[in-house]
Amino acid sequence: MTARPAISVVMTSLRDQQLAWLDHITNSSGLTITEIARAAGLHPSSLTRFRAKNENGHTLTSKTVKKIEDATRVPAYESRYIPDIVLHRQDEAQPFAIIELKNTADPMWSAVETLKQAANHIEMWTLKTSSIAALGYRPGMVVVVDKQATARNGDAVLAQKIDFRRGSAEALFRVYRTPYLLTAYDDGEPGQPEIVDDEQVKISGVIVGGFLLRH
């Protein structure tokens, strides 16, 4: 008899984790609990009943949990949902390709090739935005992004803004001022600040330099 309360506590704890997990999936994906059930091949009302009734600490079976994992790609009891990004908007910049340096005799070709081979955590982007122009990074400039660097206050950074409903992410170039991402236009006109929450908005790397190509 003395063991029963302990078992009840464990089951309630697991149920709470499962409920929090389902809440997280619905909040981050935009799916309803019924849509999740259908996607997982469960009876449409099965998860609704599970949510509504706490019958002696009732929990989802491991088989049901696995079906939900497979359908949503969210690991069981995962606290943060990272969706498959099917579209990466590049309104502010585009990835720089070394083939843009058409003349391999150009010393810049050798320098860029050496940099790319030496560090696989380095990315290069050709800016289309003026959002960090006040820091000297202007449209047409190629910026070098270190994906392993830790952002400090005042750094120019590359960030991602994720749209969970559409499964898309937008590349943003901003100045980091804890906990915000801010624009730095030449005219000082402020843009809409973004809060870095490491879920919808997260820093992908720090801009460590840049260069202009000969035209």
Protein backbone atom coordinates (compact mmCIF):
# COMPACT_ATOMS: atom_id res chain seq x y z
CA MET A 1 0.00 0.00 0.00
CA THR A 2 2.81 2.42 0.79
CA ALA A 3 4.15 2.08 -2.74
CA ARG A 4 0.99 3.36 -4.45
CA PRO A 5 1.47 7.09 -3.76
CA ALA A 6 4.96 6.94 -5.24
CA ILE A 7 3.67 5.24 -8.40
CA SER A 8 0.91 7.84 -8.71
CA VAL A 9 3.45 10.67 -8.43
CA VAL A 10 5.62 9.17 -11.18
CA MET A 11 2.66 8.69 -13.49
CA THR A 12 1.39 12.22 -12.87
CA SER A 13 4.87 13.58 -13.63
CA LEU A 14 4.98 11.68 -16.93
CA ARG A 15 1.47 12.84 -17.80
CA ASP A 16 2.48 16.45 -17.12
CA GLN A 17 5.47 16.04 -19.43
CA GLN A 18 3.29 14.60 -22.16
CA LEU A 19 0.72 17.38 -21.83
CA ALA A 20 3.46 20.03 -21.94
CA TRP A 21 4.94 18.33 -25.00
CA LEU A 22 1.61 18.36 -26.83
CA ASP A 23 1.03 22.00 -25.86
CA HIS A 24 4.46 22.85 -27.22
CA ILE A 25 3.76 21.14 -30.54
CA THR A 26 0.40 22.90 -30.98
CA ASN A 27 1.82 26.31 -30.03
CA SER A 28 4.90 26.12 -32.25
CA SER A 29 3.45 24.34 -35.30
CA GLY A 30 -0.04 25.88 -35.42
CA LEU A 31 -1.61 22.42 -35.62
CA THR A 32 -4.65 21.58 -33.54
CA ILE A 33 -4.56 18.58 -31.22
CA THR A 34 -7.01 16.81 -33.59
CA GLU A 35 -4.77 17.49 -36.60
CA ILE A 36 -1.81 16.03 -34.72
CA ALA A 37 -3.80 12.90 -33.94
CA ARG A 38 -4.83 12.48 -37.59
CA ALA A 39 -1.26 13.05 -38.82
CA ALA A 40 -0.06 10.37 -36.39
CA GLY A 41 -2.65 7.87 -37.58
CA LEU A 42 -4.58 7.98 -34.29
CA HIS A 43 -8.31 8.33 -33.74
CA PRO A 44 -9.07 12.07 -34.15
CA SER A 45 -10.48 12.36 -30.63
CA SER A 46 -7.84 10.27 -28.84
CA LEU A 47 -5.56 13.15 -27.86
CA THR A 48 -8.53 15.41 -27.06
CA ARG A 49 -9.78 12.82 -24.57
CA PHE A 50 -6.30 12.40 -23.13
CA ARG A 51 -6.04 16.14 -22.55
CA ALA A 52 -9.50 16.45 -21.02
CA LYS A 53 -9.49 13.49 -18.64
CA ASN A 54 -7.01 12.57 -15.95
CA GLU A 55 -8.10 9.08 -15.09
CA ASN A 56 -5.73 7.83 -12.40
CA GLY A 57 -2.77 9.56 -14.00
CA HIS A 58 -3.46 8.13 -17.46
CA THR A 59 -0.49 8.51 -19.84
CA LEU A 60 0.10 7.98 -23.53
CA THR A 61 1.59 4.62 -24.48
CA SER A 62 5.10 4.47 -25.90
CA LYS A 63 3.60 3.37 -29.23
CA THR A 64 1.38 6.47 -29.36
CA VAL A 65 4.28 8.73 -28.40
CA LYS A 66 6.40 7.24 -31.21
CA LYS A 67 3.63 7.87 -33.75
CA ILE A 68 3.42 11.53 -32.67
CA GLU A 69 7.20 11.88 -32.84
CA ASP A 70 7.27 10.45 -36.37
CA ALA A 71 4.40 12.66 -37.54
CA THR A 72 5.61 15.96 -36.05
CA ARG A 73 9.41 15.38 -36.00
CA VAL A 74 9.43 16.68 -32.43
CA PRO A 75 11.27 14.30 -30.05
CA ALA A 76 9.25 13.19 -27.05
CA TYR A 77 9.21 15.84 -24.31
CA GLU A 78 11.48 18.11 -26.36
CA SER A 79 11.23 21.65 -25.02
CA ARG A 80 11.97 23.42 -28.28
CA TYR A 81 10.67 22.62 -31.73
CA ILE A 82 13.01 23.16 -34.67
CA PRO A 83 11.01 22.69 -37.87
CA ASP A 84 12.33 21.50 -41.21
CA ILE A 85 13.02 24.74 -43.04
CA VAL A 86 11.55 24.45 -46.52
CA LEU A 87 12.14 28.05 -47.54
CA HIS A 88 14.96 30.39 -46.54
CA ARG A 89 14.11 33.98 -47.46
CA GLN A 90 17.09 35.98 -48.65
CA ASP A 91 15.64 39.47 -48.97
CA GLU A 92 18.58 41.09 -47.17
CA ALA A 93 21.50 39.13 -48.65
CA GLN A 94 22.40 36.14 -50.77
CA PRO A 95 25.07 33.49 -50.15
CA PHE A 96 28.35 34.42 -51.82
CA ALA A 97 29.68 31.86 -54.32
CA ILE A 98 33.36 31.84 -55.19
CA ILE A 99 32.43 31.44 -58.86
CA GLU A 100 31.54 35.14 -58.72
CA LEU A 101 35.32 35.65 -58.83
CA LYS A 102 35.58 34.73 -62.49
CA ASN A 103 39.33 35.29 -62.79
CA THR A 104 41.24 32.66 -60.81
CA ALA A 105 44.37 34.79 -61.19
CA ASP A 106 42.71 37.45 -59.06
CA PRO A 107 44.43 37.46 -55.62
CA MET A 108 40.99 37.72 -54.02
CA TRP A 109 40.12 34.30 -55.47
CA SER A 110 43.07 32.74 -53.68
CA ALA A 111 42.31 34.55 -50.42
CA VAL A 112 38.63 33.58 -50.41
CA GLU A 113 39.37 29.97 -51.38
CA THR A 114 41.94 29.70 -48.58
CA LEU A 115 39.49 31.11 -46.05
CA LYS A 116 36.68 28.76 -47.07
CA GLN A 117 38.93 25.68 -46.95
CA ALA A 118 40.51 26.63 -43.63
CA ALA A 119 37.27 27.04 -41.70
CA ASN A 120 34.04 25.20 -42.50
CA HIS A 121 32.24 27.34 -39.91
CA ILE A 122 32.75 30.43 -42.10
CA GLU A 123 29.98 31.68 -44.38
CA MET A 124 30.03 34.59 -46.82
CA TRP A 125 27.03 36.65 -47.87
CA THR A 126 26.59 39.45 -50.41
CA LEU A 127 24.53 42.16 -48.75
CA LYS A 128 21.41 43.59 -50.37
CA THR A 129 20.33 45.53 -47.28
CA SER A 130 21.45 48.80 -45.69
CA SER A 131 20.42 47.57 -42.24
CA ILE A 132 24.03 47.60 -40.93
CA ALA A 133 25.43 50.35 -43.17
CA ALA A 134 26.30 52.58 -40.20
CA LEU A 135 28.88 49.95 -39.21
CA GLY A 136 30.47 50.09 -42.65
CA TYR A 137 28.71 47.08 -44.15
CA ARG A 138 26.88 48.36 -47.22
CA PRO A 139 24.86 46.80 -50.05
CA GLY A 140 27.09 44.96 -52.53
CA MET A 141 29.67 44.16 -49.87
CA VAL A 142 30.59 40.56 -49.09
CA VAL A 143 30.49 39.94 -45.33
CA VAL A 144 32.29 37.10 -43.57
CA VAL A 145 30.24 35.32 -40.88
CA ASP A 146 31.79 33.14 -38.17
CA LYS A 147 29.11 30.66 -37.07
CA GLN A 148 31.11 29.60 -34.01
CA ALA A 149 31.77 33.08 -32.61
CA THR A 150 29.81 34.28 -29.57
CA ALA A 151 27.98 37.55 -30.16
CA ARG A 152 28.90 40.50 -27.94
CA ASN A 153 27.05 43.77 -27.47
CA GLY A 154 27.57 45.96 -30.52
CA ASP A 155 28.48 43.11 -32.89
CA ALA A 156 27.00 42.93 -36.36
CA VAL A 157 25.38 39.52 -36.66
CA LEU A 158 23.54 37.18 -38.98
CA ALA A 159 20.31 35.95 -37.41
CA GLN A 160 17.40 33.74 -38.36
CA LYS A 161 13.76 34.64 -37.87
CA ILE A 162 11.71 31.45 -38.06
CA ASP A 163 8.10 31.19 -39.15
CA PHE A 164 6.92 27.92 -37.61
CA ARG A 165 3.61 27.84 -39.48
CA ARG A 166 5.21 28.11 -42.91
CA GLY A 167 8.37 26.16 -42.09
CA SER A 168 10.48 29.05 -43.34
CA ALA A 169 13.30 31.21 -42.05
CA GLU A 170 14.39 34.73 -42.94
CA ALA A 171 18.02 35.81 -42.84
CA LEU A 172 18.48 39.07 -40.90
CA PHE A 173 21.57 41.29 -40.65
CA ARG A 174 21.45 43.38 -37.49
CA VAL A 175 23.38 44.86 -34.58
CA TYR A 176 23.15 42.87 -31.36
CA ARG A 177 22.24 44.79 -28.20
CA THR A 178 21.25 42.29 -25.51
CA PRO A 179 18.57 40.98 -25.89
CA TYR A 180 17.64 42.87 -29.06
CA LEU A 181 18.59 42.89 -32.73
CA LEU A 182 18.60 46.45 -34.04
CA THR A 183 19.06 48.08 -37.44
CA ALA A 184 21.91 50.53 -38.05
CA TYR A 185 20.95 52.56 -41.12
CA ASP A 186 23.15 55.47 -42.19
CA ASP A 187 20.35 57.95 -41.54
CA GLY A 188 19.74 56.58 -38.06
CA GLU A 189 16.14 55.69 -38.87
CA PRO A 190 15.19 52.92 -36.40
CA GLY A 191 13.72 49.68 -37.66
CA GLN A 192 11.52 47.19 -35.84
CA PRO A 193 13.62 45.61 -33.05
CA GLU A 194 13.64 41.82 -32.71
CA ILE A 195 14.08 40.02 -29.38
CA VAL A 196 16.54 37.12 -29.44
CA ASP A 197 14.62 34.28 -27.80
CA ASP A 198 16.62 31.41 -29.36
CA GLU A 199 13.42 29.92 -30.72
CA GLN A 200 11.76 32.21 -33.24
CA VAL A 201 14.73 34.56 -33.44
CA LYS A 202 18.25 33.28 -32.96
CA ILE A 203 21.76 34.41 -33.84
CA SER A 204 23.46 32.25 -36.47
CA GLY A 205 26.87 33.90 -36.51
CA VAL A 206 28.96 37.02 -36.00
CA ILE A 207 30.15 39.20 -38.86
CA VAL A 208 33.94 39.33 -38.51
CA GLY A 209 34.82 41.30 -41.63
CA GLY A 210 33.89 42.14 -45.19
CA PHE A 211 35.19 43.18 -48.59
CA LEU A 212 34.12 44.69 -51.92
CA LEU A 213 34.88 43.04 -55.24
CA ARG A 214 36.31 44.82 -58.24
CA HIS A 215 33.70 45.54 -60.89
